[in-house]
Amino acid sequence: MVVLAIAVPAAASSSQSDADVSPERMAELRAFLTQDCGSCHGLTRKGGLGSPLTPEAIADRSDEDLALTILHGVPGTPMPPWSALLTEAEVDAIVRMLRNGD
């Protein structure tokens, strides 16, 4: 039980950065972005069932808004919450990938 109490705050900490995400995990996140996000948002992220996720399409959305959408999904739509599988540091890395068109 102590391990869970220690692990949960570390995973939910908003002060984490890419340094807290291993190179191996970054590669997994890139694959996640292509495969999982791409299954709805299009493999080129130009849209599909989900809205486009190109740098131009998300330019007017804040990083916080994008992160909250990824973490908590959009109720009443097919956009699922990913908070059970991704830490805030990982979501921040995904948002940066989206902004950079990676």
PDB file of N, CA and C in Angstrom:
ATOM      1  N   MET A   1       0.825  -1.195   0.000  1.00  0.00           N
ATOM      2  CA  MET A   1       0.000   0.000   0.000  1.00  0.00           C
ATOM      3  C   MET A   1       0.862   1.248   0.000  1.00  0.00           C
ATOM      4  N   VAL A   2       1.979   1.222   0.694  1.00  0.00           N
ATOM      5  CA  VAL A   2       2.869   2.376   0.713  1.00  0.00           C
ATOM      6  C   VAL A   2       3.400   2.670  -0.681  1.00  0.00           C
ATOM      7  N   VAL A   3       3.702   1.644  -1.452  1.00  0.00           N
ATOM      8  CA  VAL A   3       4.207   1.831  -2.804  1.00  0.00           C
ATOM      9  C   VAL A   3       3.183   2.583  -3.644  1.00  0.00           C
ATOM     10  N   LEU A   4       1.916   2.216  -3.541  1.00  0.00           N
ATOM     11  CA  LEU A   4       0.869   2.893  -4.288  1.00  0.00           C
ATOM     12  C   LEU A   4       0.770   4.348  -3.862  1.00  0.00           C
ATOM     13  N   ALA A   5       0.836   4.623  -2.580  1.00  0.00           N
ATOM     14  CA  ALA A   5       0.751   5.997  -2.093  1.00  0.00           C
ATOM     15  C   ALA A   5       1.907   6.836  -2.606  1.00  0.00           C
ATOM     16  N   ILE A   6       3.055   6.233  -2.791  1.00  0.00           N
ATOM     17  CA  ILE A   6       4.211   6.957  -3.311  1.00  0.00           C
ATOM     18  C   ILE A   6       4.132   7.072  -4.830  1.00  0.00           C
ATOM     19  N   ALA A   7       3.699   6.025  -5.501  1.00  0.00           N
ATOM     20  CA  ALA A   7       3.684   6.010  -6.963  1.00  0.00           C
ATOM     21  C   ALA A   7       2.633   6.933  -7.552  1.00  0.00           C
ATOM     22  N   VAL A   8       1.470   7.029  -6.959  1.00  0.00           N
ATOM     23  CA  VAL A   8       0.407   7.842  -7.538  1.00  0.00           C
ATOM     24  C   VAL A   8       0.771   9.313  -7.594  1.00  0.00           C
ATOM     25  N   PRO A   9       1.236   9.949  -6.510  1.00  0.00           N
ATOM     26  CA  PRO A   9       1.606  11.348  -6.640  1.00  0.00           C
ATOM     27  C   PRO A   9       2.725  11.577  -7.641  1.00  0.00           C
ATOM     28  N   ALA A  10       3.687  10.672  -7.728  1.00  0.00           N
ATOM     29  CA  ALA A  10       4.768  10.852  -8.691  1.00  0.00           C
ATOM     30  C   ALA A  10       4.227  10.817 -10.107  1.00  0.00           C
ATOM     31  N   ALA A  11       3.291   9.931 -10.385  1.00  0.00           N
ATOM     32  CA  ALA A  11       2.722   9.837 -11.727  1.00  0.00           C
ATOM     33  C   ALA A  11       1.853  11.034 -12.048  1.00  0.00           C
ATOM     34  N   ALA A  12       1.238  11.627 -11.052  1.00  0.00           N
ATOM     35  CA  ALA A  12       0.315  12.730 -11.293  1.00  0.00           C
ATOM     36  C   ALA A  12       0.978  14.095 -11.180  1.00  0.00           C
ATOM     37  N   SER A  13       2.245  14.137 -10.836  1.00  0.00           N
ATOM     38  CA  SER A  13       2.921  15.415 -10.641  1.00  0.00           C
ATOM     39  C   SER A  13       3.015  16.217 -11.918  1.00  0.00           C
ATOM     40  N   SER A  14       2.586  17.475 -11.860  1.00  0.00           N
ATOM     41  CA  SER A  14       2.648  18.329 -13.040  1.00  0.00           C
ATOM     42  C   SER A  14       4.028  18.947 -13.221  1.00  0.00           C
ATOM     43  N   SER A  15       4.939  18.710 -12.287  1.00  0.00           N
ATOM     44  CA  SER A  15       6.274  19.278 -12.404  1.00  0.00           C
ATOM     45  C   SER A  15       7.223  18.365 -13.170  1.00  0.00           C
ATOM     46  N   GLN A  16       6.738  17.233 -13.646  1.00  0.00           N
ATOM     47  CA  GLN A  16       7.586  16.324 -14.397  1.00  0.00           C
ATOM     48  C   GLN A  16       7.890  16.912 -15.765  1.00  0.00           C
ATOM     49  N   SER A  17       9.010  16.509 -16.344  1.00  0.00           N
ATOM     50  CA  SER A  17       9.408  17.000 -17.659  1.00  0.00           C
ATOM     51  C   SER A  17       9.816  15.824 -18.527  1.00  0.00           C
ATOM     52  N   ASP A  18      10.256  16.127 -19.749  1.00  0.00           N
ATOM     53  CA  ASP A  18      10.729  15.068 -20.637  1.00  0.00           C
ATOM     54  C   ASP A  18      11.875  14.289 -20.007  1.00  0.00           C
ATOM     55  N   ALA A  19      12.636  14.922 -19.113  1.00  0.00           N
ATOM     56  CA  ALA A  19      13.733  14.230 -18.448  1.00  0.00           C
ATOM     57  C   ALA A  19      13.207  13.069 -17.618  1.00  0.00           C
ATOM     58  N   ASP A  20      11.948  13.147 -17.193  1.00  0.00           N
ATOM     59  CA  ASP A  20      11.337  12.085 -16.413  1.00  0.00           C
ATOM     60  C   ASP A  20      10.755  10.987 -17.300  1.00  0.00           C
ATOM     61  N   VAL A  21      10.796  11.200 -18.615  1.00  0.00           N
ATOM     62  CA  VAL A  21      10.286  10.217 -19.570  1.00  0.00           C
ATOM     63  C   VAL A  21      11.494   9.631 -20.294  1.00  0.00           C
ATOM     64  N   SER A  22      11.709   8.348 -20.114  1.00  0.00           N
ATOM     65  CA  SER A  22      12.886   7.701 -20.702  1.00  0.00           C
ATOM     66  C   SER A  22      12.825   7.742 -22.228  1.00  0.00           C
ATOM     67  N   PRO A  23      13.980   7.640 -22.871  1.00  0.00           N
ATOM     68  CA  PRO A  23      13.992   7.583 -24.336  1.00  0.00           C
ATOM     69  C   PRO A  23      13.137   6.435 -24.877  1.00  0.00           C
ATOM     70  N   GLU A  24      13.145   5.306 -24.178  1.00  0.00           N
ATOM     71  CA  GLU A  24      12.337   4.167 -24.609  1.00  0.00           C
ATOM     72  C   GLU A  24      10.851   4.511 -24.532  1.00  0.00           C
ATOM     73  N   ARG A  25      10.456   5.183 -23.445  1.00  0.00           N
ATOM     74  CA  ARG A  25       9.052   5.559 -23.294  1.00  0.00           C
ATOM     75  C   ARG A  25       8.672   6.626 -24.324  1.00  0.00           C
ATOM     76  N   MET A  26       9.581   7.527 -24.648  1.00  0.00           N
ATOM     77  CA  MET A  26       9.303   8.539 -25.677  1.00  0.00           C
ATOM     78  C   MET A  26       9.013   7.841 -27.008  1.00  0.00           C
ATOM     79  N   ALA A  27       9.759   6.805 -27.324  1.00  0.00           N
ATOM     80  CA  ALA A  27       9.508   6.042 -28.555  1.00  0.00           C
ATOM     81  C   ALA A  27       8.136   5.388 -28.502  1.00  0.00           C
ATOM     82  N   GLU A  28       7.769   4.854 -27.345  1.00  0.00           N
ATOM     83  CA  GLU A  28       6.443   4.262 -27.186  1.00  0.00           C
ATOM     84  C   GLU A  28       5.352   5.321 -27.338  1.00  0.00           C
ATOM     85  N   LEU A  29       5.593   6.512 -26.808  1.00  0.00           N
ATOM     86  CA  LEU A  29       4.604   7.589 -26.928  1.00  0.00           C
ATOM     87  C   LEU A  29       4.437   8.035 -28.378  1.00  0.00           C
ATOM     88  N   ARG A  30       5.524   8.053 -29.135  1.00  0.00           N
ATOM     89  CA  ARG A  30       5.423   8.390 -30.561  1.00  0.00           C
ATOM     90  C   ARG A  30       4.568   7.349 -31.294  1.00  0.00           C
ATOM     91  N   ALA A  31       4.788   6.079 -30.961  1.00  0.00           N
ATOM     92  CA  ALA A  31       3.985   5.012 -31.565  1.00  0.00           C
ATOM     93  C   ALA A  31       2.526   5.128 -31.119  1.00  0.00           C
ATOM     94  N   PHE A  32       2.304   5.452 -29.864  1.00  0.00           N
ATOM     95  CA  PHE A  32       0.951   5.655 -29.338  1.00  0.00           C
ATOM     96  C   PHE A  32       0.259   6.781 -30.105  1.00  0.00           C
ATOM     97  N   LEU A  33       0.976   7.869 -30.307  1.00  0.00           N
ATOM     98  CA  LEU A  33       0.417   9.022 -31.025  1.00  0.00           C
ATOM     99  C   LEU A  33       0.048   8.631 -32.448  1.00  0.00           C
ATOM    100  N   THR A  34       0.914   7.886 -33.102  1.00  0.00           N
ATOM    101  CA  THR A  34       0.635   7.467 -34.481  1.00  0.00           C
ATOM    102  C   THR A  34      -0.500   6.455 -34.541  1.00  0.00           C
ATOM    103  N   GLN A  35      -0.420   5.418 -33.737  1.00  0.00           N
ATOM    104  CA  GLN A  35      -1.377   4.312 -33.833  1.00  0.00           C
ATOM    105  C   GLN A  35      -2.699   4.603 -33.119  1.00  0.00           C
ATOM    106  N   ASP A  36      -2.634   4.904 -31.835  1.00  0.00           N
ATOM    107  CA  ASP A  36      -3.862   5.073 -31.056  1.00  0.00           C
ATOM    108  C   ASP A  36      -4.574   6.379 -31.392  1.00  0.00           C
ATOM    109  N   CYS A  37      -3.862   7.479 -31.327  1.00  0.00           N
ATOM    110  CA  CYS A  37      -4.480   8.771 -31.662  1.00  0.00           C
ATOM    111  C   CYS A  37      -4.825   8.799 -33.148  1.00  0.00           C
ATOM    112  N   GLY A  38      -3.914   8.271 -33.961  1.00  0.00           N
ATOM    113  CA  GLY A  38      -4.113   8.267 -35.407  1.00  0.00           C
ATOM    114  C   GLY A  38      -5.296   7.445 -35.866  1.00  0.00           C
ATOM    115  N   SER A  39      -5.729   6.482 -35.070  1.00  0.00           N
ATOM    116  CA  SER A  39      -6.875   5.666 -35.475  1.00  0.00           C
ATOM    117  C   SER A  39      -8.147   6.500 -35.582  1.00  0.00           C
ATOM    118  N   CYS A  40      -8.240   7.584 -34.843  1.00  0.00           N
ATOM    119  CA  CYS A  40      -9.401   8.479 -34.941  1.00  0.00           C
ATOM    120  C   CYS A  40      -9.054   9.817 -35.603  1.00  0.00           C
ATOM    121  N   HIS A  41      -7.885  10.328 -35.299  1.00  0.00           N
ATOM    122  CA  HIS A  41      -7.499  11.652 -35.794  1.00  0.00           C
ATOM    123  C   HIS A  41      -6.771  11.587 -37.139  1.00  0.00           C
ATOM    124  N   GLY A  42      -6.621  10.387 -37.669  1.00  0.00           N
ATOM    125  CA  GLY A  42      -5.946  10.191 -38.945  1.00  0.00           C
ATOM    126  C   GLY A  42      -4.465   9.949 -38.754  1.00  0.00           C
ATOM    127  N   LEU A  43      -3.907   9.048 -39.534  1.00  0.00           N
ATOM    128  CA  LEU A  43      -2.485   8.721 -39.389  1.00  0.00           C
ATOM    129  C   LEU A  43      -1.588   9.912 -39.680  1.00  0.00           C
ATOM    130  N   THR A  44      -2.077  10.853 -40.466  1.00  0.00           N
ATOM    131  CA  THR A  44      -1.322  12.085 -40.712  1.00  0.00           C
ATOM    132  C   THR A  44      -1.843  13.219 -39.832  1.00  0.00           C
ATOM    133  N   ARG A  45      -2.757  12.874 -38.928  1.00  0.00           N
ATOM    134  CA  ARG A  45      -3.368  13.800 -37.960  1.00  0.00           C
ATOM    135  C   ARG A  45      -4.148  14.941 -38.615  1.00  0.00           C
ATOM    136  N   LYS A  46      -4.606  14.717 -39.842  1.00  0.00           N
ATOM    137  CA  LYS A  46      -5.380  15.755 -40.537  1.00  0.00           C
ATOM    138  C   LYS A  46      -6.874  15.607 -40.296  1.00  0.00           C
ATOM    139  N   GLY A  47      -7.248  14.699 -39.416  1.00  0.00           N
ATOM    140  CA  GLY A  47      -8.643  14.521 -39.055  1.00  0.00           C
ATOM    141  C   GLY A  47      -9.218  13.241 -39.583  1.00  0.00           C
ATOM    142  N   GLY A  48     -10.336  12.878 -39.032  1.00  0.00           N
ATOM    143  CA  GLY A  48     -11.063  11.664 -39.375  1.00  0.00           C
ATOM    144  C   GLY A  48     -12.289  11.678 -38.498  1.00  0.00           C
ATOM    145  N   LEU A  49     -12.486  10.638 -37.730  1.00  0.00           N
ATOM    146  CA  LEU A  49     -13.548  10.633 -36.726  1.00  0.00           C
ATOM    147  C   LEU A  49     -13.285  11.757 -35.725  1.00  0.00           C
ATOM    148  N   GLY A  50     -12.012  11.913 -35.360  1.00  0.00           N
ATOM    149  CA  GLY A  50     -11.604  12.991 -34.461  1.00  0.00           C
ATOM    150  C   GLY A  50     -11.126  14.201 -35.250  1.00  0.00           C
ATOM    151  N   SER A  51     -11.018  15.310 -34.578  1.00  0.00           N
ATOM    152  CA  SER A  51     -10.594  16.556 -35.222  1.00  0.00           C
ATOM    153  C   SER A  51      -9.117  16.499 -35.618  1.00  0.00           C
ATOM    154  N   PRO A  52      -8.687  17.382 -36.520  1.00  0.00           N
ATOM    155  CA  PRO A  52      -7.270  17.415 -36.902  1.00  0.00           C
ATOM    156  C   PRO A  52      -6.382  17.754 -35.703  1.00  0.00           C
ATOM    157  N   LEU A  53      -5.185  17.187 -35.693  1.00  0.00           N
ATOM    158  CA  LEU A  53      -4.202  17.457 -34.634  1.00  0.00           C
ATOM    159  C   LEU A  53      -2.897  17.988 -35.203  1.00  0.00           C
ATOM    160  N   THR A  54      -2.981  18.685 -36.314  1.00  0.00           N
ATOM    161  CA  THR A  54      -1.785  19.306 -36.882  1.00  0.00           C
ATOM    162  C   THR A  54      -1.429  20.531 -36.054  1.00  0.00           C
ATOM    163  N   PRO A  55      -0.171  20.977 -36.107  1.00  0.00           N
ATOM    164  CA  PRO A  55       0.198  22.189 -35.358  1.00  0.00           C
ATOM    165  C   PRO A  55      -0.718  23.374 -35.675  1.00  0.00           C
ATOM    166  N   GLU A  56      -1.102  23.510 -36.932  1.00  0.00           N
ATOM    167  CA  GLU A  56      -1.975  24.625 -37.326  1.00  0.00           C
ATOM    168  C   GLU A  56      -3.373  24.469 -36.715  1.00  0.00           C
ATOM    169  N   ALA A  57      -3.883  23.247 -36.689  1.00  0.00           N
ATOM    170  CA  ALA A  57      -5.237  22.996 -36.193  1.00  0.00           C
ATOM    171  C   ALA A  57      -5.361  23.202 -34.692  1.00  0.00           C
ATOM    172  N   ILE A  58      -4.257  23.011 -33.956  1.00  0.00           N
ATOM    173  CA  ILE A  58      -4.316  23.150 -32.489  1.00  0.00           C
ATOM    174  C   ILE A  58      -3.689  24.453 -31.998  1.00  0.00           C
ATOM    175  N   ALA A  59      -3.305  25.323 -32.916  1.00  0.00           N
ATOM    176  CA  ALA A  59      -2.595  26.560 -32.550  1.00  0.00           C
ATOM    177  C   ALA A  59      -3.375  27.427 -31.569  1.00  0.00           C
ATOM    178  N   ASP A  60      -4.699  27.414 -31.650  1.00  0.00           N
ATOM    179  CA  ASP A  60      -5.492  28.282 -30.783  1.00  0.00           C
ATOM    180  C   ASP A  60      -5.852  27.636 -29.448  1.00  0.00           C
ATOM    181  N   ARG A  61      -5.392  26.409 -29.219  1.00  0.00           N
ATOM    182  CA  ARG A  61      -5.675  25.710 -27.956  1.00  0.00           C
ATOM    183  C   ARG A  61      -4.444  25.755 -27.063  1.00  0.00           C
ATOM    184  N   SER A  62      -4.653  25.979 -25.792  1.00  0.00           N
ATOM    185  CA  SER A  62      -3.535  26.023 -24.847  1.00  0.00           C
ATOM    186  C   SER A  62      -3.017  24.617 -24.580  1.00  0.00           C
ATOM    187  N   ASP A  63      -1.780  24.548 -24.125  1.00  0.00           N
ATOM    188  CA  ASP A  63      -1.201  23.260 -23.754  1.00  0.00           C
ATOM    189  C   ASP A  63      -2.038  22.605 -22.660  1.00  0.00           C
ATOM    190  N   GLU A  64      -2.495  23.411 -21.700  1.00  0.00           N
ATOM    191  CA  GLU A  64      -3.296  22.882 -20.596  1.00  0.00           C
ATOM    192  C   GLU A  64      -4.605  22.280 -21.108  1.00  0.00           C
ATOM    193  N   ASP A  65      -5.242  22.952 -22.060  1.00  0.00           N
ATOM    194  CA  ASP A  65      -6.491  22.456 -22.628  1.00  0.00           C
ATOM    195  C   ASP A  65      -6.264  21.132 -23.349  1.00  0.00           C
ATOM    196  N   LEU A  66      -5.211  21.060 -24.133  1.00  0.00           N
ATOM    197  CA  LEU A  66      -4.893  19.818 -24.834  1.00  0.00           C
ATOM    198  C   LEU A  66      -4.600  18.691 -23.842  1.00  0.00           C
ATOM    199  N   ALA A  67      -3.813  18.995 -22.820  1.00  0.00           N
ATOM    200  CA  ALA A  67      -3.466  17.989 -21.812  1.00  0.00           C
ATOM    201  C   ALA A  67      -4.712  17.489 -21.090  1.00  0.00           C
ATOM    202  N   LEU A  68      -5.593  18.386 -20.718  1.00  0.00           N
ATOM    203  CA  LEU A  68      -6.826  17.981 -20.036  1.00  0.00           C
ATOM    204  C   LEU A  68      -7.691  17.108 -20.927  1.00  0.00           C
ATOM    205  N   THR A  69      -7.747  17.430 -22.211  1.00  0.00           N
ATOM    206  CA  THR A  69      -8.523  16.623 -23.152  1.00  0.00           C
ATOM    207  C   THR A  69      -7.935  15.223 -23.258  1.00  0.00           C
ATOM    208  N   ILE A  70      -6.622  15.128 -23.342  1.00  0.00           N
ATOM    209  CA  ILE A  70      -5.968  13.821 -23.427  1.00  0.00           C
ATOM    210  C   ILE A  70      -6.195  13.034 -22.135  1.00  0.00           C
ATOM    211  N   LEU A  71      -5.998  13.679 -21.011  1.00  0.00           N
ATOM    212  CA  LEU A  71      -6.129  12.993 -19.729  1.00  0.00           C
ATOM    213  C   LEU A  71      -7.557  12.572 -19.415  1.00  0.00           C
ATOM    214  N   HIS A  72      -8.531  13.447 -19.693  1.00  0.00           N
ATOM    215  CA  HIS A  72      -9.905  13.213 -19.239  1.00  0.00           C
ATOM    216  C   HIS A  72     -10.898  12.918 -20.349  1.00  0.00           C
ATOM    217  N   GLY A  73     -10.469  12.994 -21.604  1.00  0.00           N
ATOM    218  CA  GLY A  73     -11.358  12.721 -22.715  1.00  0.00           C
ATOM    219  C   GLY A  73     -12.406  13.813 -22.878  1.00  0.00           C
ATOM    220  N   VAL A  74     -13.374  13.553 -23.741  1.00  0.00           N
ATOM    221  CA  VAL A  74     -14.477  14.481 -23.975  1.00  0.00           C
ATOM    222  C   VAL A  74     -15.768  13.690 -23.813  1.00  0.00           C
ATOM    223  N   PRO A  75     -16.443  13.870 -22.676  1.00  0.00           N
ATOM    224  CA  PRO A  75     -17.685  13.125 -22.440  1.00  0.00           C
ATOM    225  C   PRO A  75     -18.684  13.310 -23.586  1.00  0.00           C
ATOM    226  N   GLY A  76     -19.359  12.237 -23.922  1.00  0.00           N
ATOM    227  CA  GLY A  76     -20.363  12.281 -24.974  1.00  0.00           C
ATOM    228  C   GLY A  76     -19.794  12.170 -26.379  1.00  0.00           C
ATOM    229  N   THR A  77     -18.479  11.958 -26.469  1.00  0.00           N
ATOM    230  CA  THR A  77     -17.826  11.793 -27.767  1.00  0.00           C
ATOM    231  C   THR A  77     -16.974  10.520 -27.708  1.00  0.00           C
ATOM    232  N   PRO A  78     -16.428  10.088 -28.831  1.00  0.00           N
ATOM    233  CA  PRO A  78     -15.546   8.908 -28.808  1.00  0.00           C
ATOM    234  C   PRO A  78     -14.176   9.168 -28.160  1.00  0.00           C
ATOM    235  N   MET A  79     -13.854  10.428 -27.821  1.00  0.00           N
ATOM    236  CA  MET A  79     -12.538  10.731 -27.228  1.00  0.00           C
ATOM    237  C   MET A  79     -12.473  10.189 -25.802  1.00  0.00           C
ATOM    238  N   PRO A  80     -11.643   9.134 -25.604  1.00  0.00           N
ATOM    239  CA  PRO A  80     -11.556   8.513 -24.276  1.00  0.00           C
ATOM    240  C   PRO A  80     -10.577   9.244 -23.368  1.00  0.00           C
ATOM    241  N   PRO A  81     -10.714   9.039 -22.063  1.00  0.00           N
ATOM    242  CA  PRO A  81      -9.701   9.537 -21.137  1.00  0.00           C
ATOM    243  C   PRO A  81      -8.505   8.584 -21.133  1.00  0.00           C
ATOM    244  N   TRP A  82      -7.306   9.147 -21.146  1.00  0.00           N
ATOM    245  CA  TRP A  82      -6.095   8.321 -21.145  1.00  0.00           C
ATOM    246  C   TRP A  82      -5.351   8.406 -19.814  1.00  0.00           C
ATOM    247  N   SER A  83      -5.954   8.998 -18.797  1.00  0.00           N
ATOM    248  CA  SER A  83      -5.274   9.204 -17.517  1.00  0.00           C
ATOM    249  C   SER A  83      -4.880   7.898 -16.828  1.00  0.00           C
ATOM    250  N   ALA A  84      -5.541   6.811 -17.127  1.00  0.00           N
ATOM    251  CA  ALA A  84      -5.177   5.532 -16.516  1.00  0.00           C
ATOM    252  C   ALA A  84      -3.894   4.952 -17.106  1.00  0.00           C
ATOM    253  N   LEU A  85      -3.518   5.421 -18.295  1.00  0.00           N
ATOM    254  CA  LEU A  85      -2.348   4.866 -18.981  1.00  0.00           C
ATOM    255  C   LEU A  85      -1.184   5.827 -19.119  1.00  0.00           C
ATOM    256  N   LEU A  86      -1.439   7.128 -18.965  1.00  0.00           N
ATOM    257  CA  LEU A  86      -0.405   8.141 -19.197  1.00  0.00           C
ATOM    258  C   LEU A  86      -0.227   9.035 -17.986  1.00  0.00           C
ATOM    259  N   THR A  87       1.009   9.365 -17.684  1.00  0.00           N
ATOM    260  CA  THR A  87       1.288  10.341 -16.626  1.00  0.00           C
ATOM    261  C   THR A  87       1.170  11.746 -17.216  1.00  0.00           C
ATOM    262  N   GLU A  88       1.127  12.725 -16.361  1.00  0.00           N
ATOM    263  CA  GLU A  88       1.081  14.105 -16.843  1.00  0.00           C
ATOM    264  C   GLU A  88       2.338  14.459 -17.624  1.00  0.00           C
ATOM    265  N   ALA A  89       3.496  13.931 -17.211  1.00  0.00           N
ATOM    266  CA  ALA A  89       4.742  14.184 -17.950  1.00  0.00           C
ATOM    267  C   ALA A  89       4.660  13.585 -19.346  1.00  0.00           C
ATOM    268  N   GLU A  90       4.065  12.417 -19.465  1.00  0.00           N
ATOM    269  CA  GLU A  90       3.910  11.788 -20.769  1.00  0.00           C
ATOM    270  C   GLU A  90       2.937  12.571 -21.645  1.00  0.00           C
ATOM    271  N   VAL A  91       1.858  13.060 -21.043  1.00  0.00           N
ATOM    272  CA  VAL A  91       0.897  13.874 -21.794  1.00  0.00           C
ATOM    273  C   VAL A  91       1.555  15.176 -22.242  1.00  0.00           C
ATOM    274  N   ASP A  92       2.347  15.782 -21.379  1.00  0.00           N
ATOM    275  CA  ASP A  92       3.074  17.002 -21.765  1.00  0.00           C
ATOM    276  C   ASP A  92       3.988  16.722 -22.955  1.00  0.00           C
ATOM    277  N   ALA A  93       4.633  15.557 -22.952  1.00  0.00           N
ATOM    278  CA  ALA A  93       5.499  15.180 -24.074  1.00  0.00           C
ATOM    279  C   ALA A  93       4.678  15.011 -25.348  1.00  0.00           C
ATOM    280  N   ILE A  94       3.505  14.418 -25.241  1.00  0.00           N
ATOM    281  CA  ILE A  94       2.632  14.249 -26.406  1.00  0.00           C
ATOM    282  C   ILE A  94       2.186  15.605 -26.935  1.00  0.00           C
ATOM    283  N   VAL A  95       1.830  16.525 -26.046  1.00  0.00           N
ATOM    284  CA  VAL A  95       1.422  17.865 -26.475  1.00  0.00           C
ATOM    285  C   VAL A  95       2.562  18.536 -27.229  1.00  0.00           C
ATOM    286  N   ARG A  96       3.794  18.400 -26.733  1.00  0.00           N
ATOM    287  CA  ARG A  96       4.943  18.983 -27.441  1.00  0.00           C
ATOM    288  C   ARG A  96       5.130  18.338 -28.806  1.00  0.00           C
ATOM    289  N   MET A  97       4.937  17.019 -28.893  1.00  0.00           N
ATOM    290  CA  MET A  97       5.033  16.340 -30.188  1.00  0.00           C
ATOM    291  C   MET A  97       3.979  16.894 -31.161  1.00  0.00           C
ATOM    292  N   LEU A  98       2.769  17.068 -30.655  1.00  0.00           N
ATOM    293  CA  LEU A  98       1.706  17.633 -31.510  1.00  0.00           C
ATOM    294  C   LEU A  98       2.067  19.036 -31.975  1.00  0.00           C
ATOM    295  N   ARG A  99       2.549  19.863 -31.069  1.00  0.00           N
ATOM    296  CA  ARG A  99       2.924  21.242 -31.427  1.00  0.00           C
ATOM    297  C   ARG A  99       4.025  21.268 -32.477  1.00  0.00           C
ATOM    298  N   ASN A 100       4.969  20.319 -32.369  1.00  0.00           N
ATOM    299  CA  ASN A 100       6.115  20.273 -33.291  1.00  0.00           C
ATOM    300  C   ASN A 100       5.824  19.485 -34.560  1.00  0.00           C
ATOM    301  N   GLY A 101       4.660  18.840 -34.628  1.00  0.00           N
ATOM    302  CA  GLY A 101       4.346  18.032 -35.797  1.00  0.00           C
ATOM    303  C   GLY A 101       5.151  16.751 -35.853  1.00  0.00           C
ATOM    304  N   ASP A 102       5.653  16.298 -34.698  1.00  0.00           N
ATOM    305  CA  ASP A 102       6.448  15.059 -34.637  1.00  0.00           C
ATOM    306  C   ASP A 102       5.587  13.846 -34.876  1.00  0.00           C
TER     307      ASP A 102
END
